[in-house]
Amino acid sequence: MHAQAGDRIHIRGAHVGAPDRVGEILEVRAAEGEPPYLVRFEDGHEGLIYPGPDCTVELREAQRAHG
């Protein structure tokens, strides 16, 4: 998984009824965009995460516009 600051991360709920979590990647701690990522979630909580297979990264809008 590769990401840049400004990308969004979507973490699926771990079990039925658990809410999904969405956050903005504030900082990428590895040189080539690999985890860990410092993320600010929609509820304001910030944390350092190593995304698992239940996560997807959504490119920020500027990246989508340029391909």
N, C-alpha and C. Protein backbone atom coordinates (compact mmCIF):
# COMPACT_ATOMS: atom_id res chain seq x y z
N MET A 1 0.85 -1.16 0.00
CA MET A 1 0.00 0.00 0.00
C MET A 1 0.90 1.24 0.00
N HIS A 2 0.54 2.20 -0.85
CA HIS A 2 1.27 3.46 -0.94
C HIS A 2 0.30 4.61 -0.80
N ALA A 3 0.74 5.67 -0.14
CA ALA A 3 -0.12 6.84 0.07
C ALA A 3 0.75 8.09 0.16
N GLN A 4 0.07 9.24 0.10
CA GLN A 4 0.70 10.54 0.29
C GLN A 4 -0.14 11.33 1.27
N ALA A 5 0.48 12.31 1.91
CA ALA A 5 -0.28 13.21 2.77
C ALA A 5 -1.39 13.84 1.94
N GLY A 6 -2.58 13.90 2.51
CA GLY A 6 -3.74 14.44 1.82
C GLY A 6 -4.67 13.38 1.27
N ASP A 7 -4.16 12.15 1.10
CA ASP A 7 -5.02 11.05 0.67
C ASP A 7 -5.97 10.70 1.81
N ARG A 8 -7.04 10.01 1.46
CA ARG A 8 -8.00 9.56 2.48
C ARG A 8 -7.87 8.05 2.62
N ILE A 9 -8.07 7.58 3.84
CA ILE A 9 -8.03 6.14 4.10
C ILE A 9 -9.39 5.72 4.63
N HIS A 10 -9.85 4.60 4.14
CA HIS A 10 -11.16 4.05 4.50
C HIS A 10 -10.91 2.68 5.12
N ILE A 11 -11.33 2.53 6.37
CA ILE A 11 -11.16 1.27 7.10
C ILE A 11 -12.54 0.65 7.31
N ARG A 12 -12.75 -0.51 6.76
CA ARG A 12 -14.04 -1.20 6.88
C ARG A 12 -14.25 -1.68 8.32
N GLY A 13 -15.51 -1.71 8.74
CA GLY A 13 -15.85 -2.22 10.07
C GLY A 13 -15.39 -3.66 10.23
N ALA A 14 -14.89 -4.00 11.40
CA ALA A 14 -14.30 -5.32 11.63
C ALA A 14 -15.34 -6.44 11.73
N HIS A 15 -16.58 -6.10 12.05
CA HIS A 15 -17.62 -7.11 12.15
C HIS A 15 -18.97 -6.47 11.79
N VAL A 16 -19.97 -7.29 11.63
CA VAL A 16 -21.30 -6.81 11.24
C VAL A 16 -21.79 -5.78 12.26
N GLY A 17 -22.21 -4.64 11.76
CA GLY A 17 -22.72 -3.58 12.61
C GLY A 17 -21.68 -2.58 13.06
N ALA A 18 -20.40 -2.91 12.88
CA ALA A 18 -19.33 -1.97 13.24
C ALA A 18 -19.22 -0.90 12.15
N PRO A 19 -19.13 0.36 12.53
CA PRO A 19 -19.05 1.41 11.52
C PRO A 19 -17.70 1.43 10.82
N ASP A 20 -17.70 1.89 9.58
CA ASP A 20 -16.46 2.13 8.87
C ASP A 20 -15.82 3.40 9.44
N ARG A 21 -14.52 3.53 9.27
CA ARG A 21 -13.82 4.74 9.70
C ARG A 21 -13.13 5.35 8.49
N VAL A 22 -13.22 6.66 8.38
CA VAL A 22 -12.59 7.38 7.28
C VAL A 22 -11.74 8.48 7.88
N GLY A 23 -10.56 8.68 7.31
CA GLY A 23 -9.69 9.73 7.81
C GLY A 23 -8.78 10.26 6.73
N GLU A 24 -8.14 11.38 7.03
CA GLU A 24 -7.18 11.99 6.13
C GLU A 24 -5.77 11.63 6.59
N ILE A 25 -4.94 11.22 5.65
CA ILE A 25 -3.55 10.91 5.97
C ILE A 25 -2.81 12.24 6.09
N LEU A 26 -2.29 12.49 7.29
CA LEU A 26 -1.58 13.73 7.56
C LEU A 26 -0.08 13.60 7.28
N GLU A 27 0.44 12.41 7.52
CA GLU A 27 1.88 12.21 7.37
C GLU A 27 2.17 10.77 7.01
N VAL A 28 3.10 10.58 6.08
CA VAL A 28 3.57 9.25 5.70
C VAL A 28 4.97 9.12 6.28
N ARG A 29 5.20 8.11 7.09
CA ARG A 29 6.46 7.99 7.83
C ARG A 29 7.56 7.23 7.08
N ALA A 30 7.24 6.56 5.99
CA ALA A 30 8.25 5.83 5.22
C ALA A 30 8.60 6.61 3.95
N ALA A 31 9.79 6.39 3.45
CA ALA A 31 10.32 7.17 2.32
C ALA A 31 9.55 6.97 1.01
N GLU A 32 9.03 5.80 0.78
CA GLU A 32 8.38 5.51 -0.50
C GLU A 32 6.86 5.44 -0.41
N GLY A 33 6.27 6.01 0.63
CA GLY A 33 4.82 6.03 0.77
C GLY A 33 4.21 4.85 1.49
N GLU A 34 5.06 4.01 2.06
CA GLU A 34 4.55 2.86 2.80
C GLU A 34 4.15 3.28 4.22
N PRO A 35 3.37 2.44 4.90
CA PRO A 35 2.99 2.71 6.28
C PRO A 35 4.21 2.73 7.19
N PRO A 36 4.07 3.29 8.35
CA PRO A 36 2.85 3.75 9.01
C PRO A 36 2.42 5.13 8.54
N TYR A 37 1.13 5.43 8.77
CA TYR A 37 0.54 6.72 8.42
C TYR A 37 -0.03 7.38 9.66
N LEU A 38 0.18 8.68 9.77
CA LEU A 38 -0.49 9.45 10.81
C LEU A 38 -1.80 9.92 10.19
N VAL A 39 -2.91 9.56 10.82
CA VAL A 39 -4.25 9.80 10.25
C VAL A 39 -5.11 10.60 11.23
N ARG A 40 -5.87 11.55 10.69
CA ARG A 40 -6.90 12.25 11.47
C ARG A 40 -8.25 11.73 10.98
N PHE A 41 -8.97 11.09 11.89
CA PHE A 41 -10.26 10.52 11.55
C PHE A 41 -11.36 11.58 11.63
N GLU A 42 -12.51 11.28 11.08
CA GLU A 42 -13.63 12.23 11.02
C GLU A 42 -14.08 12.71 12.39
N ASP A 43 -13.86 11.91 13.43
CA ASP A 43 -14.26 12.32 14.77
C ASP A 43 -13.21 13.19 15.46
N GLY A 44 -12.11 13.51 14.75
CA GLY A 44 -11.06 14.36 15.29
C GLY A 44 -9.90 13.60 15.91
N HIS A 45 -10.07 12.30 16.14
CA HIS A 45 -9.02 11.47 16.72
C HIS A 45 -7.87 11.34 15.73
N GLU A 46 -6.63 11.43 16.21
CA GLU A 46 -5.46 11.20 15.38
C GLU A 46 -4.72 9.98 15.90
N GLY A 47 -4.18 9.22 14.98
CA GLY A 47 -3.44 8.03 15.39
C GLY A 47 -2.50 7.56 14.31
N LEU A 48 -1.50 6.80 14.71
CA LEU A 48 -0.54 6.20 13.81
C LEU A 48 -1.05 4.80 13.48
N ILE A 49 -1.21 4.52 12.20
CA ILE A 49 -1.77 3.21 11.83
C ILE A 49 -0.90 2.51 10.79
N TYR A 50 -0.98 1.20 10.84
CA TYR A 50 -0.44 0.31 9.82
C TYR A 50 -1.67 -0.35 9.20
N PRO A 51 -2.11 0.10 8.03
CA PRO A 51 -3.35 -0.42 7.45
C PRO A 51 -3.28 -1.91 7.14
N GLY A 52 -4.40 -2.56 7.36
CA GLY A 52 -4.51 -3.98 7.06
C GLY A 52 -5.29 -4.21 5.77
N PRO A 53 -5.68 -5.45 5.52
CA PRO A 53 -6.38 -5.78 4.28
C PRO A 53 -7.80 -5.20 4.20
N ASP A 54 -8.29 -4.66 5.31
CA ASP A 54 -9.63 -4.07 5.32
C ASP A 54 -9.59 -2.57 4.98
N CYS A 55 -8.45 -2.07 4.53
CA CYS A 55 -8.27 -0.64 4.26
C CYS A 55 -8.09 -0.36 2.77
N THR A 56 -8.56 0.79 2.34
CA THR A 56 -8.29 1.29 1.00
C THR A 56 -7.85 2.74 1.12
N VAL A 57 -7.01 3.16 0.19
CA VAL A 57 -6.55 4.54 0.13
C VAL A 57 -7.20 5.19 -1.08
N GLU A 58 -7.77 6.36 -0.86
CA GLU A 58 -8.39 7.14 -1.93
C GLU A 58 -7.50 8.33 -2.21
N LEU A 59 -7.11 8.49 -3.48
CA LEU A 59 -6.24 9.60 -3.85
C LEU A 59 -6.92 10.94 -3.62
N ARG A 60 -6.12 11.94 -3.24
CA ARG A 60 -6.67 13.28 -3.07
C ARG A 60 -7.10 13.81 -4.43
N GLU A 61 -7.94 14.79 -4.45
CA GLU A 61 -8.55 15.31 -5.68
C GLU A 61 -7.52 15.77 -6.69
N ALA A 62 -6.44 16.43 -6.27
CA ALA A 62 -5.44 16.94 -7.20
C ALA A 62 -4.80 15.81 -7.99
N GLN A 63 -4.58 14.66 -7.38
CA GLN A 63 -4.00 13.52 -8.07
C GLN A 63 -4.96 12.94 -9.10
N ARG A 64 -6.25 12.92 -8.78
CA ARG A 64 -7.24 12.40 -9.72
C ARG A 64 -7.32 13.27 -10.96
N ALA A 65 -7.23 14.57 -10.79
CA ALA A 65 -7.34 15.50 -11.91
C ALA A 65 -6.18 15.35 -12.90
N HIS A 66 -5.02 14.92 -12.40
CA HIS A 66 -3.84 14.81 -13.25
C HIS A 66 -3.52 13.37 -13.64
N GLY A 67 -4.44 12.48 -13.38
CA GLY A 67 -4.28 11.12 -13.84
C GLY A 67 -3.70 10.22 -12.85
